[in-house]
Amino acid sequence: HYRSQIRKMRFFQRHHYWLLISEKFFQKHGGKGVFLGRFTGPLRPILPMVCGMFSMPWLKFLAGDFFSAVVW
């Protein structure tokens, strides 16, 4: 819903590199990026938002999130 407004948020204006790193990570790894991102410190809280920005199907996100929780 807030896809275009996320970049304008105060937090991401100060720490824009976190969003860039998350975007590159998501583009490189796609669906498995959700699984891998849960084990990568700075990406953990930002990756779900990036998946939403890129309109990732929610079932694909949920599958990666579920399996990472099981492994964790």
N, C-alpha and C. Protein backbone atom coordinates (compact mmCIF):
# COMPACT_ATOMS: atom_id res chain seq x y z
N HIS A 1 0.82 -1.20 0.00
CA HIS A 1 0.00 0.00 0.00
C HIS A 1 0.87 1.27 0.00
N TYR A 2 1.94 1.26 0.77
CA TYR A 2 2.81 2.43 0.89
C TYR A 2 4.06 2.30 0.03
N ARG A 3 3.98 1.54 -1.00
CA ARG A 3 5.13 1.19 -1.83
C ARG A 3 5.99 2.40 -2.22
N SER A 4 5.39 3.44 -2.74
CA SER A 4 6.16 4.59 -3.21
C SER A 4 6.56 5.53 -2.08
N GLN A 5 5.87 5.46 -0.95
CA GLN A 5 6.15 6.38 0.15
C GLN A 5 7.22 5.88 1.11
N ILE A 6 7.59 4.63 1.02
CA ILE A 6 8.56 4.06 1.96
C ILE A 6 9.91 4.76 1.84
N ARG A 7 10.33 5.06 0.64
CA ARG A 7 11.63 5.72 0.44
C ARG A 7 11.66 7.12 1.06
N LYS A 8 10.50 7.72 1.26
CA LYS A 8 10.42 9.07 1.81
C LYS A 8 10.36 9.09 3.34
N MET A 9 10.26 7.92 3.95
CA MET A 9 10.20 7.86 5.40
C MET A 9 11.50 8.38 6.00
N ARG A 10 11.40 9.03 7.14
CA ARG A 10 12.57 9.65 7.77
C ARG A 10 13.68 8.63 8.03
N PHE A 11 13.32 7.45 8.50
CA PHE A 11 14.33 6.43 8.79
C PHE A 11 15.13 6.06 7.55
N PHE A 12 14.45 5.87 6.43
CA PHE A 12 15.13 5.45 5.21
C PHE A 12 15.81 6.61 4.49
N GLN A 13 15.47 7.83 4.82
CA GLN A 13 16.23 8.95 4.28
C GLN A 13 17.58 9.03 4.97
N ARG A 14 17.61 8.68 6.26
CA ARG A 14 18.88 8.68 7.00
C ARG A 14 19.70 7.42 6.71
N HIS A 15 19.03 6.29 6.54
CA HIS A 15 19.71 5.00 6.35
C HIS A 15 19.30 4.39 5.00
N HIS A 16 19.42 5.16 3.95
CA HIS A 16 18.98 4.71 2.63
C HIS A 16 19.76 3.49 2.14
N TYR A 17 20.98 3.33 2.61
CA TYR A 17 21.79 2.19 2.17
C TYR A 17 21.21 0.86 2.64
N TRP A 18 20.48 0.84 3.75
CA TRP A 18 19.85 -0.42 4.20
C TRP A 18 18.79 -0.87 3.21
N LEU A 19 18.03 0.07 2.71
CA LEU A 19 17.00 -0.26 1.73
C LEU A 19 17.63 -0.71 0.42
N LEU A 20 18.71 -0.07 0.00
CA LEU A 20 19.41 -0.46 -1.23
C LEU A 20 19.99 -1.87 -1.12
N ILE A 21 20.60 -2.18 0.03
CA ILE A 21 21.17 -3.51 0.24
C ILE A 21 20.07 -4.56 0.21
N SER A 22 18.95 -4.26 0.84
CA SER A 22 17.83 -5.21 0.86
C SER A 22 17.26 -5.43 -0.52
N GLU A 23 17.16 -4.37 -1.30
CA GLU A 23 16.65 -4.50 -2.67
C GLU A 23 17.56 -5.37 -3.52
N LYS A 24 18.86 -5.13 -3.44
CA LYS A 24 19.80 -5.93 -4.22
C LYS A 24 19.76 -7.39 -3.78
N PHE A 25 19.66 -7.62 -2.49
CA PHE A 25 19.59 -8.98 -1.96
C PHE A 25 18.34 -9.68 -2.48
N PHE A 26 17.21 -8.99 -2.46
CA PHE A 26 15.96 -9.57 -2.93
C PHE A 26 16.00 -9.85 -4.43
N GLN A 27 16.56 -8.93 -5.19
CA GLN A 27 16.65 -9.14 -6.64
C GLN A 27 17.58 -10.29 -6.99
N LYS A 28 18.63 -10.48 -6.21
CA LYS A 28 19.58 -11.55 -6.48
C LYS A 28 19.02 -12.92 -6.09
N HIS A 29 18.37 -12.99 -4.93
CA HIS A 29 17.95 -14.28 -4.40
C HIS A 29 16.46 -14.56 -4.54
N GLY A 30 15.66 -13.57 -4.83
CA GLY A 30 14.23 -13.78 -5.04
C GLY A 30 13.54 -14.41 -3.85
N GLY A 31 12.78 -15.47 -4.09
CA GLY A 31 12.02 -16.13 -3.04
C GLY A 31 12.87 -16.72 -1.94
N LYS A 32 14.00 -17.28 -2.29
CA LYS A 32 14.86 -17.84 -1.25
C LYS A 32 15.50 -16.75 -0.41
N GLY A 33 15.41 -15.51 -0.88
CA GLY A 33 15.91 -14.38 -0.11
C GLY A 33 15.17 -14.17 1.20
N VAL A 34 13.90 -14.53 1.23
CA VAL A 34 13.13 -14.43 2.48
C VAL A 34 13.72 -15.39 3.50
N PHE A 35 13.99 -16.60 3.05
CA PHE A 35 14.59 -17.60 3.94
C PHE A 35 15.97 -17.16 4.41
N LEU A 36 16.82 -16.75 3.48
CA LEU A 36 18.19 -16.34 3.82
C LEU A 36 18.22 -15.04 4.62
N GLY A 37 17.32 -14.14 4.32
CA GLY A 37 17.29 -12.85 5.00
C GLY A 37 16.97 -12.94 6.48
N ARG A 38 16.28 -13.98 6.88
CA ARG A 38 15.95 -14.16 8.29
C ARG A 38 17.18 -14.49 9.12
N PHE A 39 18.25 -14.91 8.49
CA PHE A 39 19.48 -15.24 9.20
C PHE A 39 20.56 -14.17 9.01
N THR A 40 20.21 -13.06 8.37
CA THR A 40 21.14 -11.97 8.12
C THR A 40 20.68 -10.76 8.91
N GLY A 41 21.45 -10.37 9.91
CA GLY A 41 21.09 -9.35 10.87
C GLY A 41 20.37 -8.11 10.35
N PRO A 42 21.04 -7.23 9.61
CA PRO A 42 20.40 -5.98 9.21
C PRO A 42 19.24 -6.17 8.22
N LEU A 43 19.23 -7.27 7.51
CA LEU A 43 18.15 -7.49 6.54
C LEU A 43 16.87 -8.00 7.19
N ARG A 44 16.99 -8.61 8.34
CA ARG A 44 15.84 -9.27 8.98
C ARG A 44 14.61 -8.37 9.10
N PRO A 45 14.73 -7.15 9.62
CA PRO A 45 13.52 -6.34 9.77
C PRO A 45 13.08 -5.63 8.49
N ILE A 46 13.97 -5.47 7.52
CA ILE A 46 13.65 -4.68 6.34
C ILE A 46 13.18 -5.53 5.17
N LEU A 47 13.63 -6.75 5.09
CA LEU A 47 13.33 -7.60 3.94
C LEU A 47 11.83 -7.82 3.71
N PRO A 48 11.01 -8.05 4.74
CA PRO A 48 9.58 -8.19 4.47
C PRO A 48 8.97 -6.96 3.80
N MET A 49 9.42 -5.78 4.18
CA MET A 49 8.91 -4.57 3.57
C MET A 49 9.35 -4.49 2.11
N VAL A 50 10.58 -4.88 1.83
CA VAL A 50 11.06 -4.86 0.45
C VAL A 50 10.29 -5.87 -0.40
N CYS A 51 9.98 -7.02 0.17
CA CYS A 51 9.17 -8.01 -0.56
C CYS A 51 7.81 -7.43 -0.92
N GLY A 52 7.24 -6.67 0.00
CA GLY A 52 5.98 -6.00 -0.29
C GLY A 52 6.12 -4.93 -1.35
N MET A 53 7.23 -4.22 -1.33
CA MET A 53 7.47 -3.18 -2.35
C MET A 53 7.54 -3.78 -3.74
N PHE A 54 8.10 -4.99 -3.84
CA PHE A 54 8.24 -5.66 -5.12
C PHE A 54 7.06 -6.57 -5.45
N SER A 55 6.00 -6.45 -4.66
CA SER A 55 4.76 -7.22 -4.88
C SER A 55 4.99 -8.72 -4.94
N MET A 56 5.79 -9.23 -4.02
CA MET A 56 6.01 -10.66 -3.93
C MET A 56 4.69 -11.34 -3.52
N PRO A 57 4.32 -12.43 -4.16
CA PRO A 57 3.10 -13.14 -3.75
C PRO A 57 3.18 -13.56 -2.28
N TRP A 58 2.10 -13.35 -1.56
CA TRP A 58 2.15 -13.57 -0.12
C TRP A 58 2.35 -15.03 0.25
N LEU A 59 1.91 -15.97 -0.58
CA LEU A 59 2.14 -17.38 -0.28
C LEU A 59 3.63 -17.73 -0.39
N LYS A 60 4.28 -17.16 -1.36
CA LYS A 60 5.72 -17.39 -1.54
C LYS A 60 6.49 -16.80 -0.35
N PHE A 61 6.10 -15.61 0.09
CA PHE A 61 6.73 -14.99 1.26
C PHE A 61 6.47 -15.83 2.51
N LEU A 62 5.24 -16.24 2.68
CA LEU A 62 4.87 -17.02 3.86
C LEU A 62 5.61 -18.35 3.91
N ALA A 63 5.81 -18.99 2.75
CA ALA A 63 6.54 -20.26 2.72
C ALA A 63 7.99 -20.07 3.16
N GLY A 64 8.65 -19.05 2.63
CA GLY A 64 10.03 -18.78 3.03
C GLY A 64 10.14 -18.40 4.49
N ASP A 65 9.20 -17.63 4.96
CA ASP A 65 9.19 -17.20 6.36
C ASP A 65 8.94 -18.39 7.29
N PHE A 66 8.03 -19.25 6.91
CA PHE A 66 7.69 -20.42 7.73
C PHE A 66 8.90 -21.38 7.83
N PHE A 67 9.50 -21.68 6.71
CA PHE A 67 10.63 -22.63 6.74
C PHE A 67 11.86 -22.06 7.45
N SER A 68 12.04 -20.74 7.38
CA SER A 68 13.14 -20.15 8.13
C SER A 68 12.86 -20.21 9.63
N ALA A 69 11.60 -20.07 10.02
CA ALA A 69 11.24 -20.17 11.44
C ALA A 69 11.46 -21.61 11.95
N VAL A 70 11.14 -22.58 11.12
CA VAL A 70 11.34 -23.98 11.52
C VAL A 70 12.82 -24.27 11.70
N VAL A 71 13.65 -23.79 10.77
CA VAL A 71 15.08 -24.03 10.86
C VAL A 71 15.68 -23.27 12.04
N TRP A 72 15.18 -22.09 12.31
CA TRP A 72 15.70 -21.27 13.40
C TRP A 72 15.47 -21.97 14.71
